[in-house]
């Protein structure tokens, strides 16, 4: 039950950040980290807080550990996607006026 919302949140936030960076003309070397920061959940902090507040045996501690186990491979897939899409990201956007002028 925890995995699906985490997956949706990470992919949605990272994709949105990546696209907005492209739309605003930001360089790829800035857009990649921006996408990762936007999608991060800071589960490491959540694990520490849950364990200190509720103890090792609590459901809250278990839930935060599950979050970390899901987030790490998902974030690695975001890194892979950002690296593989560098050519697309850096390609000039085709404007509507440029297409109209050709015809």
Protein backbone atom coordinates (compact mmCIF):
# COMPACT_ATOMS: atom_id res chain seq x y z
CA UNK A 1 0.00 0.00 0.00
CA UNK A 2 2.91 2.36 0.55
CA UNK A 3 4.69 1.69 -2.73
CA UNK A 4 2.10 3.04 -5.18
CA UNK A 5 1.78 6.57 -3.77
CA UNK A 6 5.56 6.82 -3.44
CA UNK A 7 6.04 5.74 -7.06
CA UNK A 8 3.44 8.19 -8.33
CA UNK A 9 4.82 11.05 -6.26
CA UNK A 10 8.45 10.51 -7.27
CA UNK A 11 7.78 10.12 -11.00
CA UNK A 12 5.23 12.95 -11.14
CA UNK A 13 7.36 15.46 -9.21
CA UNK A 14 10.61 14.61 -10.97
CA UNK A 15 8.98 14.68 -14.40
CA UNK A 16 7.29 18.00 -13.70
CA UNK A 17 10.51 19.57 -12.41
CA UNK A 18 12.47 18.25 -15.40
CA UNK A 19 9.93 19.57 -17.92
CA UNK A 20 9.63 22.96 -16.23
CA UNK A 21 13.40 23.32 -16.25
CA UNK A 22 13.42 22.59 -19.98
CA UNK A 23 10.60 25.04 -20.64
CA UNK A 24 12.41 27.81 -18.79
CA UNK A 25 15.68 27.15 -20.62
CA UNK A 26 17.69 25.82 -17.70
CA UNK A 27 20.77 23.76 -18.55
CA UNK A 28 20.63 19.96 -18.30
CA UNK A 29 23.30 19.87 -15.60
CA UNK A 30 20.95 21.89 -13.38
CA UNK A 31 17.67 20.25 -14.44
CA UNK A 32 18.78 16.74 -13.47
CA UNK A 33 19.57 17.53 -9.83
CA UNK A 34 16.50 19.75 -9.70
CA UNK A 35 14.31 16.81 -10.71
CA UNK A 36 15.85 14.64 -8.02
CA UNK A 37 15.55 17.26 -5.30
CA UNK A 38 11.92 17.89 -6.26
CA UNK A 39 11.12 14.20 -5.98
CA UNK A 40 13.01 13.46 -2.79
CA UNK A 41 11.01 12.41 0.25
CA UNK A 42 13.74 12.73 2.88
CA UNK A 43 12.90 9.29 4.21
CA UNK A 44 16.20 9.16 6.07
CA UNK A 45 14.98 11.93 8.35
CA UNK A 46 11.60 10.21 8.68
CA UNK A 47 13.27 6.95 9.77
CA UNK A 48 15.29 8.72 12.46
CA UNK A 49 12.27 10.65 13.73
CA UNK A 50 9.98 7.59 13.77
CA UNK A 51 12.49 5.44 15.62
CA UNK A 52 13.27 8.12 18.18
CA UNK A 53 9.60 8.94 18.79
CA UNK A 54 7.95 5.52 18.54
CA UNK A 55 10.75 2.94 18.89
CA UNK A 56 12.12 0.22 16.62
CA UNK A 57 9.05 -2.01 16.86
CA UNK A 58 6.50 0.61 15.77
CA UNK A 59 4.47 0.62 12.58
CA UNK A 60 5.70 4.14 11.87
CA UNK A 61 9.31 2.97 11.85
CA UNK A 62 8.39 0.08 9.54
CA UNK A 63 6.54 2.39 7.17
CA UNK A 64 9.48 4.77 6.88
CA UNK A 65 11.93 1.92 6.23
CA UNK A 66 9.65 0.60 3.47
CA UNK A 67 9.67 4.09 1.99
CA UNK A 68 13.47 4.10 1.79
CA UNK A 69 13.53 0.65 0.22
CA UNK A 70 11.17 1.84 -2.50
CA UNK A 71 12.57 5.33 -3.00
CA UNK A 72 16.19 4.36 -3.67
CA UNK A 73 15.63 2.22 -6.79
CA UNK A 74 12.98 4.64 -8.05
CA UNK A 75 15.35 7.59 -7.69
CA UNK A 76 18.03 5.59 -9.51
CA UNK A 77 15.57 5.08 -12.36
CA UNK A 78 14.98 8.85 -12.44
CA UNK A 79 18.76 9.40 -12.71
CA UNK A 80 18.91 6.87 -15.56
CA UNK A 81 16.01 8.58 -17.35
CA UNK A 82 17.54 12.05 -16.97
CA UNK A 83 20.89 10.81 -18.28
CA UNK A 84 19.32 8.97 -21.23
CA UNK A 85 17.18 11.95 -22.22
CA UNK A 86 20.02 14.48 -22.36
CA UNK A 87 19.91 14.70 -26.18
CA UNK A 88 16.15 15.32 -26.12
CA UNK A 89 16.51 17.88 -23.34
CA UNK A 90 19.21 19.84 -25.12
CA UNK A 91 17.54 19.70 -28.56
CA UNK A 92 16.03 23.02 -29.58
CA UNK A 93 12.28 23.11 -29.22
CA UNK A 94 10.44 23.43 -32.52
CA UNK A 95 8.28 26.50 -32.36
CA UNK A 96 4.91 26.79 -34.00
CA UNK A 97 6.06 29.78 -36.09
CA UNK A 98 9.03 27.84 -37.46
CA UNK A 99 6.73 25.04 -38.62
CA UNK A 100 4.28 27.55 -40.15
CA UNK A 101 7.06 29.38 -42.01
CA UNK A 102 8.16 26.17 -43.77
CA UNK A 103 4.73 25.62 -45.33
